[in-house]
Amino acid sequence: MIEGVGVTEFLVVSTIMFFIGIYGFVVRKNLITILMSVELILNSVNINFVVFNKYLYPDLLQGYMISLFVIGIAAAEAAVAIAIILNVYRNLQGIDIEHINTMKH
């Protein structure tokens, strides 16, 4: 890793990213910002996987492989979510969560 940067610093950054993502997911009303918050949460988890793999098992690659798998799943999730958001925008002329209930009718 980078000289002078230990596990604690990486975990602090990851924790801050995670809670910013949770806050954005709970508070925001726009579907795009909610999607960005979910991606932020997934990236903070990836940092944890890589850091724990590097410091606990430096000769193995499980943390890196799991991170690559999570990145692939996040890319597929983003593609599906953007398709859904575009469909909602076409039908409702907006992407705020308050208007999603009107699609039930």
Protein backbone atom coordinates (compact mmCIF):
# COMPACT_ATOMS: atom_id res chain seq x y z
CA MET A 1 0.00 0.00 0.00
CA ILE A 2 0.96 3.63 0.20
CA GLU A 3 3.76 4.39 2.67
CA GLY A 4 2.52 5.90 5.91
CA VAL A 5 -1.12 5.01 5.33
CA GLY A 6 -2.41 2.20 7.50
CA VAL A 7 -5.56 0.18 7.87
CA THR A 8 -7.18 2.76 10.11
CA GLU A 9 -7.05 5.55 7.54
CA PHE A 10 -8.56 3.36 4.84
CA LEU A 11 -11.32 2.19 7.18
CA VAL A 12 -12.11 5.76 8.22
CA VAL A 13 -12.44 6.83 4.58
CA SER A 14 -14.56 3.76 3.82
CA THR A 15 -16.81 4.38 6.82
CA ILE A 16 -17.32 8.03 5.89
CA MET A 17 -18.16 7.01 2.31
CA PHE A 18 -20.60 4.38 3.57
CA PHE A 19 -22.49 6.75 5.84
CA ILE A 20 -22.59 9.49 3.19
CA GLY A 21 -24.14 6.89 0.87
CA ILE A 22 -26.68 5.84 3.52
CA TYR A 23 -27.55 9.49 4.18
CA GLY A 24 -28.00 10.18 0.46
CA PHE A 25 -30.13 7.07 0.03
CA VAL A 26 -32.46 7.99 2.89
CA VAL A 27 -32.71 11.76 2.41
CA ARG A 28 -32.65 12.36 -1.34
CA LYS A 29 -35.80 12.42 -3.45
CA ASN A 30 -34.22 12.19 -6.91
CA LEU A 31 -33.74 8.70 -8.34
CA ILE A 32 -30.37 9.54 -9.90
CA THR A 33 -28.92 10.73 -6.59
CA ILE A 34 -30.27 7.61 -4.88
CA LEU A 35 -28.52 5.49 -7.51
CA MET A 36 -25.30 7.42 -6.91
CA SER A 37 -25.67 6.82 -3.17
CA VAL A 38 -26.00 3.07 -3.71
CA GLU A 39 -22.87 3.12 -5.86
CA LEU A 40 -21.03 5.01 -3.11
CA ILE A 41 -22.06 2.34 -0.60
CA LEU A 42 -20.84 -0.44 -2.88
CA ASN A 43 -17.51 1.33 -3.46
CA SER A 44 -16.97 1.75 0.27
CA VAL A 45 -17.50 -1.99 0.71
CA ASN A 46 -14.98 -2.63 -2.07
CA ILE A 47 -12.40 -0.56 -0.20
CA ASN A 48 -12.98 -2.74 2.86
CA PHE A 49 -12.54 -5.95 0.87
CA VAL A 50 -9.27 -4.78 -0.67
CA VAL A 51 -7.82 -3.38 2.56
CA PHE A 52 -8.62 -6.44 4.64
CA ASN A 53 -7.26 -8.70 1.94
CA LYS A 54 -4.06 -6.67 1.68
CA TYR A 55 -3.35 -6.58 5.40
CA LEU A 56 -4.67 -9.99 6.53
CA TYR A 57 -3.86 -12.22 3.55
CA PRO A 58 -1.40 -10.36 1.28
CA ASP A 59 -0.55 -13.48 -0.74
CA LEU A 60 -4.17 -14.35 -1.59
CA LEU A 61 -6.53 -12.57 -3.99
CA GLN A 62 -9.99 -13.28 -2.57
CA GLY A 63 -10.65 -9.66 -1.56
CA TYR A 64 -9.67 -8.40 -4.99
CA MET A 65 -11.81 -11.01 -6.74
CA ILE A 66 -14.83 -10.22 -4.59
CA SER A 67 -14.30 -6.52 -5.35
CA LEU A 68 -14.23 -7.21 -9.09
CA PHE A 69 -17.42 -9.25 -8.73
CA VAL A 70 -19.10 -6.40 -6.82
CA ILE A 71 -18.00 -3.92 -9.50
CA GLY A 72 -19.55 -6.14 -12.19
CA ILE A 73 -22.80 -6.49 -10.26
CA ALA A 74 -22.85 -2.71 -9.65
CA ALA A 75 -22.43 -2.05 -13.37
CA ALA A 76 -25.35 -4.34 -14.19
CA GLU A 77 -27.43 -2.78 -11.41
CA ALA A 78 -26.66 0.71 -12.71
CA ALA A 79 -27.66 -0.23 -16.26
CA VAL A 80 -30.99 -1.68 -15.12
CA ALA A 81 -31.65 1.22 -12.75
CA ILE A 82 -30.95 3.82 -15.45
CA ALA A 83 -33.32 2.00 -17.81
CA ILE A 84 -36.03 2.06 -15.14
CA ILE A 85 -35.35 5.73 -14.39
CA LEU A 86 -35.64 6.62 -18.10
CA ASN A 87 -38.95 4.76 -18.29
CA VAL A 88 -40.24 6.61 -15.22
CA TYR A 89 -39.12 9.93 -16.70
CA ARG A 90 -40.91 9.23 -19.99
CA ASN A 91 -44.15 8.39 -18.21
CA LEU A 92 -44.13 11.04 -15.48
CA GLN A 93 -41.91 13.84 -16.91
CA GLY A 94 -39.85 13.75 -13.69
CA ILE A 95 -37.79 11.44 -11.56
CA ASP A 96 -38.77 12.45 -8.03
CA ILE A 97 -39.84 9.71 -5.67
CA GLU A 98 -43.05 11.47 -4.65
CA HIS A 99 -44.47 10.95 -8.14
CA ILE A 100 -43.75 7.20 -8.36
CA ASN A 101 -47.05 6.32 -6.62
CA THR A 102 -48.98 7.74 -9.58
CA MET A 103 -47.70 4.83 -11.71
CA LYS A 104 -49.81 2.39 -9.65
CA HIS A 105 -53.03 3.55 -11.27
